[in-house]
Amino acid sequence: MANTTSAKKATRKIMRRTAVNKARRSRMRGFVCNVEEAITAGDKSAALAALRAAEPEIMRAAQKGVVAKNNASRKVSRLTQRIAKLA
């Protein structure tokens, strides 16, 4: 348990940041899930539309430090490849 006032404040800040990051990560995962559902259904146009909505969310999460930049790029790349295979 934190003893000093600065450590107590740091704990409060960490809790607030954790809540924000969890919300961002959850939002990103929701958008990715929408893309994956469209891919599973085999609907290429819906999958493309979902990807257009998901890509900015994924990159925003990377920009904010929720996920690593390469991780975000890899997610987008793999989703794009899966959509391209639908034909």
Protein backbone atom coordinates (compact mmCIF):
# COMPACT_ATOMS: atom_id res chain seq x y z
CA MET A 1 0.00 0.00 0.00
CA ALA A 2 1.21 3.50 -0.86
CA ASN A 3 2.44 5.52 2.12
CA THR A 4 3.57 8.86 0.74
CA THR A 5 1.15 11.41 -0.64
CA SER A 6 2.86 11.34 -4.02
CA ALA A 7 2.55 7.56 -4.18
CA LYS A 8 -1.14 7.79 -3.27
CA LYS A 9 -1.69 10.35 -6.02
CA ALA A 10 0.20 8.18 -8.51
CA THR A 11 -2.10 5.27 -7.60
CA ARG A 12 -5.18 7.42 -8.24
CA LYS A 13 -3.79 8.54 -11.61
CA ILE A 14 -2.98 4.97 -12.60
CA MET A 15 -6.54 3.88 -11.77
CA ARG A 16 -7.99 6.65 -13.95
CA ARG A 17 -5.66 5.86 -16.87
CA THR A 18 -6.42 2.14 -16.57
CA ALA A 19 -10.15 2.83 -16.86
CA VAL A 20 -9.62 4.98 -19.96
CA ASN A 21 -7.32 2.42 -21.57
CA LYS A 22 -9.75 -0.43 -20.86
CA ALA A 23 -12.53 1.53 -22.52
CA ARG A 24 -10.37 2.25 -25.58
CA ARG A 25 -9.24 -1.36 -25.86
CA SER A 26 -12.81 -2.62 -25.50
CA ARG A 27 -14.03 -0.18 -28.17
CA MET A 28 -11.27 -1.27 -30.55
CA ARG A 29 -12.07 -4.95 -29.98
CA GLY A 30 -15.73 -4.29 -30.70
CA PHE A 31 -14.91 -2.76 -34.07
CA VAL A 32 -12.55 -5.65 -34.91
CA CYS A 33 -15.28 -8.11 -33.91
CA ASN A 34 -17.70 -6.42 -36.33
CA VAL A 35 -15.21 -6.93 -39.17
CA GLU A 36 -14.64 -10.57 -38.24
CA GLU A 37 -18.39 -11.24 -38.10
CA ALA A 38 -18.82 -9.79 -41.59
CA ILE A 39 -15.93 -11.91 -42.86
CA THR A 40 -17.43 -15.04 -41.29
CA ALA A 41 -20.77 -14.25 -42.91
CA GLY A 42 -18.97 -13.96 -46.25
CA ASP A 43 -20.30 -10.46 -46.95
CA LYS A 44 -17.42 -8.63 -48.61
CA SER A 45 -19.09 -5.22 -48.88
CA ALA A 46 -20.14 -5.27 -45.22
CA ALA A 47 -16.66 -6.42 -44.22
CA LEU A 48 -15.06 -3.56 -46.17
CA ALA A 49 -17.41 -1.05 -44.56
CA ALA A 50 -16.66 -2.46 -41.12
CA LEU A 51 -12.92 -2.33 -41.81
CA ARG A 52 -13.18 1.32 -42.88
CA ALA A 53 -14.77 2.05 -39.51
CA ALA A 54 -12.37 -0.16 -37.55
CA GLU A 55 -9.06 1.00 -38.99
CA PRO A 56 -9.15 4.52 -37.47
CA GLU A 57 -10.14 3.04 -34.10
CA ILE A 58 -7.27 0.56 -34.20
CA MET A 59 -4.76 3.24 -35.17
CA ARG A 60 -6.12 5.64 -32.55
CA ALA A 61 -5.61 2.93 -29.91
CA ALA A 62 -2.02 2.57 -31.11
CA GLN A 63 -1.49 6.33 -31.04
CA LYS A 64 -2.78 6.50 -27.47
CA GLY A 65 -0.50 3.64 -26.40
CA VAL A 66 -3.24 1.08 -25.73
CA VAL A 67 -1.66 -1.31 -28.24
CA ALA A 68 1.73 -1.17 -29.91
CA LYS A 69 2.01 0.47 -33.34
CA ASN A 70 3.18 -2.72 -35.06
CA ASN A 71 0.42 -4.70 -33.36
CA ALA A 72 -2.19 -2.31 -34.77
CA SER A 73 -0.66 -2.41 -38.24
CA ARG A 74 -0.60 -6.19 -38.14
CA LYS A 75 -4.29 -6.35 -37.15
CA VAL A 76 -5.31 -4.08 -40.03
CA SER A 77 -3.11 -5.96 -42.48
CA ARG A 78 -4.46 -9.38 -41.52
CA LEU A 79 -8.07 -8.22 -41.64
CA THR A 80 -7.46 -6.69 -45.07
CA GLN A 81 -5.95 -9.95 -46.32
CA ARG A 82 -8.89 -11.96 -45.03
CA ILE A 83 -11.33 -9.61 -46.79
CA ALA A 84 -9.36 -9.85 -50.03
CA LYS A 85 -9.69 -13.65 -49.94
CA LEU A 86 -13.49 -13.45 -49.86
CA ALA A 87 -13.80 -12.47 -53.54
